[in-house]
Amino acid sequence: MSQFSRVKDLVDSLEGDFEKFYDKGNQAAGTRVRKGMQELKNLAQEIRVDVQSKKNA
């Protein structure tokens, strides 16, 4: 469950940057959003691999 907590924390940490980018047009916040979403993608891949290995064990 710690991985799930990491996903939640990452999404929560991006909330302010999402608001700054979409509501206020802050371009730097958009860069931070893209970086955070890339981290989320990598974390999701790690979780998928872990689940698959436990399922096949």
C-alpha atoms as a PDB file:
ATOM      1  CA  MET A   1       0.000   0.000   0.000  1.00  0.00           C
ATOM      2  CA  SER A   2       2.974   2.319   0.310  1.00  0.00           C
ATOM      3  CA  GLN A   3       3.088   2.597  -3.468  1.00  0.00           C
ATOM      4  CA  PHE A   4      -0.535   3.706  -3.502  1.00  0.00           C
ATOM      5  CA  SER A   5       0.338   6.376  -0.950  1.00  0.00           C
ATOM      6  CA  ARG A   6       3.170   7.560  -3.185  1.00  0.00           C
ATOM      7  CA  VAL A   7       0.724   7.899  -6.096  1.00  0.00           C
ATOM      8  CA  LYS A   8      -1.730   9.868  -3.966  1.00  0.00           C
ATOM      9  CA  ASP A   9       1.005  12.125  -2.602  1.00  0.00           C
ATOM     10  CA  LEU A  10       2.335  12.819  -6.095  1.00  0.00           C
ATOM     11  CA  VAL A  11      -1.110  13.696  -7.451  1.00  0.00           C
ATOM     12  CA  ASP A  12      -1.841  15.887  -4.433  1.00  0.00           C
ATOM     13  CA  SER A  13       1.466  17.692  -4.842  1.00  0.00           C
ATOM     14  CA  LEU A  14       0.612  18.550  -8.456  1.00  0.00           C
ATOM     15  CA  GLU A  15      -2.783  20.079  -7.684  1.00  0.00           C
ATOM     16  CA  GLY A  16      -1.439  23.606  -7.185  1.00  0.00           C
ATOM     17  CA  ASP A  17       0.547  23.489 -10.409  1.00  0.00           C
ATOM     18  CA  PHE A  18      -2.507  22.258 -12.333  1.00  0.00           C
ATOM     19  CA  GLU A  19      -4.484  25.236 -11.070  1.00  0.00           C
ATOM     20  CA  LYS A  20      -1.691  27.674 -11.873  1.00  0.00           C
ATOM     21  CA  PHE A  21      -1.307  26.311 -15.391  1.00  0.00           C
ATOM     22  CA  TYR A  22      -4.942  25.865 -16.402  1.00  0.00           C
ATOM     23  CA  ASP A  23      -6.525  28.755 -14.517  1.00  0.00           C
ATOM     24  CA  LYS A  24      -3.757  31.360 -14.586  1.00  0.00           C
ATOM     25  CA  GLY A  25      -1.768  30.316 -17.665  1.00  0.00           C
ATOM     26  CA  ASN A  26       1.521  29.963 -15.782  1.00  0.00           C
ATOM     27  CA  GLN A  27       3.861  28.233 -18.260  1.00  0.00           C
ATOM     28  CA  ALA A  28       6.416  27.171 -15.634  1.00  0.00           C
ATOM     29  CA  ALA A  29       3.652  25.373 -13.768  1.00  0.00           C
ATOM     30  CA  GLY A  30       2.877  23.503 -16.983  1.00  0.00           C
ATOM     31  CA  THR A  31       6.453  22.264 -17.091  1.00  0.00           C
ATOM     32  CA  ARG A  32       6.168  21.063 -13.502  1.00  0.00           C
ATOM     33  CA  VAL A  33       2.886  19.321 -14.339  1.00  0.00           C
ATOM     34  CA  ARG A  34       4.497  17.526 -17.275  1.00  0.00           C
ATOM     35  CA  LYS A  35       7.438  16.451 -15.117  1.00  0.00           C
ATOM     36  CA  GLY A  36       5.113  15.225 -12.375  1.00  0.00           C
ATOM     37  CA  MET A  37       2.980  13.312 -14.840  1.00  0.00           C
ATOM     38  CA  GLN A  38       6.114  11.606 -16.178  1.00  0.00           C
ATOM     39  CA  GLU A  39       7.005  10.579 -12.625  1.00  0.00           C
ATOM     40  CA  LEU A  40       3.450   9.285 -12.203  1.00  0.00           C
ATOM     41  CA  LYS A  41       3.774   7.247 -15.394  1.00  0.00           C
ATOM     42  CA  ASN A  42       7.045   5.707 -14.173  1.00  0.00           C
ATOM     43  CA  LEU A  43       5.572   4.949 -10.763  1.00  0.00           C
ATOM     44  CA  ALA A  44       2.519   3.349 -12.373  1.00  0.00           C
ATOM     45  CA  GLN A  45       4.806   1.149 -14.472  1.00  0.00           C
ATOM     46  CA  GLU A  46       6.693   0.031 -11.353  1.00  0.00           C
ATOM     47  CA  ILE A  47       3.394  -0.872  -9.692  1.00  0.00           C
ATOM     48  CA  ARG A  48       2.235  -2.792 -12.773  1.00  0.00           C
ATOM     49  CA  VAL A  49       5.452  -4.838 -12.812  1.00  0.00           C
ATOM     50  CA  ASP A  50       5.179  -5.540  -9.076  1.00  0.00           C
ATOM     51  CA  VAL A  51       1.548  -6.639  -9.371  1.00  0.00           C
ATOM     52  CA  GLN A  52       2.333  -8.862 -12.344  1.00  0.00           C
ATOM     53  CA  SER A  53       5.244 -10.548 -10.567  1.00  0.00           C
ATOM     54  CA  LYS A  54       3.162 -11.210  -7.450  1.00  0.00           C
ATOM     55  CA  LYS A  55       0.302 -12.508  -9.568  1.00  0.00           C
ATOM     56  CA  ASN A  56       2.562 -14.932 -11.424  1.00  0.00           C
ATOM     57  CA  ALA A  57       4.390 -16.148  -8.307  1.00  0.00           C
END
